[in-house]
Protein backbone atom coordinates (compact mmCIF):
# COMPACT_ATOMS: atom_id res chain seq x y z
CA MET A 1 0.00 0.00 0.00
CA THR A 2 1.41 3.37 -0.97
CA GLN A 3 1.11 6.63 0.94
CA THR A 4 -1.72 7.78 -1.35
CA GLU A 5 -3.62 4.52 -0.90
CA PHE A 6 -3.20 4.75 2.87
CA ILE A 7 -4.52 8.33 2.97
CA SER A 8 -7.48 7.25 0.84
CA ALA A 9 -8.19 4.30 3.18
CA LEU A 10 -7.92 6.61 6.19
CA ASN A 11 -10.47 8.90 4.56
CA ARG A 12 -12.93 5.99 4.36
CA VAL A 13 -12.59 5.15 8.08
CA THR A 14 -12.79 8.64 9.57
CA ARG A 15 -16.43 8.36 10.66
CA SER A 16 -15.84 5.09 12.55
CA TYR A 17 -13.54 6.78 15.06
CA LYS A 18 -13.48 9.94 17.16
CA TRP A 19 -10.11 11.46 16.30
CA SER A 20 -8.01 13.72 18.48
CA TYR A 21 -4.62 15.28 17.89
CA VAL A 22 -2.40 15.48 20.96
CA ASN A 23 1.36 16.09 21.08
CA ASN A 24 1.79 15.59 17.31
CA THR A 25 0.01 12.23 17.52
CA LEU A 26 -3.33 11.18 16.04
CA VAL A 27 -5.45 8.97 18.27
CA GLY A 28 -8.80 7.47 17.30
CA VAL A 29 -11.37 6.04 19.69
CA ALA A 30 -13.60 3.37 18.12
CA LYS A 31 -17.27 4.34 17.96
CA ASN A 32 -18.70 0.90 17.20
CA GLY A 33 -18.12 -2.83 17.43
CA GLU A 34 -16.99 -4.91 20.35
CA LEU A 35 -13.90 -2.71 20.74
CA ARG A 36 -15.94 0.48 21.13
CA GLY A 37 -14.03 2.91 23.33
CA CYS A 38 -10.60 1.40 22.60
CA THR A 39 -7.89 3.65 21.20
CA PHE A 40 -6.21 3.13 17.85
CA ASN A 41 -3.56 4.95 15.86
CA PRO A 42 -4.16 5.57 12.13
CA ILE A 43 -2.44 2.34 11.06
CA THR A 44 -4.23 0.02 13.47
CA ALA A 45 -7.54 1.79 12.75
CA VAL A 46 -7.22 1.26 9.00
CA ALA A 47 -6.19 -2.38 9.51
CA ARG A 48 -9.19 -2.99 11.78
CA THR A 49 -11.69 -1.30 9.48
CA LEU A 50 -10.38 -3.01 6.34
CA ARG A 51 -10.66 -6.33 8.25
CA VAL A 52 -6.97 -7.14 7.90
CA GLY A 53 -6.87 -7.82 11.63
CA THR A 54 -7.14 -6.16 15.01
CA TYR A 55 -3.80 -5.09 16.42
CA SER A 56 -2.78 -3.52 19.70
CA ASN A 57 -2.00 0.19 19.81
CA ASP A 58 1.67 -0.26 20.69
CA ALA A 59 4.88 -0.38 18.65
CA ASN A 60 4.74 -4.14 18.04
CA GLY A 61 1.06 -4.19 17.09
CA THR A 62 1.47 -1.17 14.82
CA THR A 63 4.43 -2.75 13.03
CA ARG A 64 2.45 -5.96 12.50
CA ALA A 65 -0.56 -3.98 11.22
CA GLY A 66 1.66 -2.03 8.84
CA ARG A 67 3.14 -5.24 7.50
CA ALA A 68 -0.35 -6.73 7.03
CA LEU A 69 -1.41 -3.61 5.10
CA GLY A 70 1.72 -3.74 2.95
CA LEU A 71 3.17 -0.46 4.22
CA SER A 72 6.91 0.10 4.10
CA GLN A 73 8.67 0.57 7.43
CA GLU A 74 9.61 4.11 6.38
CA LEU A 75 5.94 4.98 5.82
CA VAL A 76 4.95 3.42 9.16
CA ASP A 77 7.62 5.52 10.88
CA ALA A 78 6.43 8.66 9.07
CA ILE A 79 2.79 8.06 10.03
CA LEU A 80 3.63 7.56 13.71
CA SER A 81 6.42 10.11 14.01
CA SER A 82 5.97 12.99 16.38
CA SER A 83 8.76 15.04 14.82
CA ASN A 84 8.25 18.18 12.80
CA ARG A 85 10.70 17.30 10.08
CA GLY A 86 10.66 15.93 6.56
CA HIS A 87 8.42 13.13 5.42
CA ALA A 88 6.69 12.78 8.80
CA GLN A 89 5.48 16.37 8.67
CA ILE A 90 4.12 15.97 5.14
CA VAL A 91 2.28 12.73 5.93
CA ARG A 92 0.87 14.12 9.18
CA GLY A 93 -0.38 17.22 7.35
CA LYS A 94 -2.18 15.08 4.78
CA MET A 95 -3.75 12.94 7.51
CA LEU A 96 -4.92 16.02 9.43
CA ASN A 97 -6.37 17.44 6.23
CA VAL A 98 -8.35 14.22 5.62
CA LEU A 99 -9.60 14.06 9.20
CA SER A 100 -10.64 17.71 9.34
CA ASN A 101 -12.96 17.44 6.31
């Protein structure tokens, strides 16, 4: 899955989660299903909604979810990064743009 495909998939799952942006990190709380009220990051949320699997919201679970979605490790790092530099800033800006619409 490329960056564009991931952003498009994130756009399709935005209504299933209540998103918040804290300390340069996106966190979604599930609105439905048996895991209602559980927190997810963008990668684990997309994996859950696309029925690739349900993964924990930690580094190991996120890496496994990224692998299941076919994301490169560099893209996973950029999506989760809390830095304000380079690729991470661009990806985070695109995700915030999708979630704000």
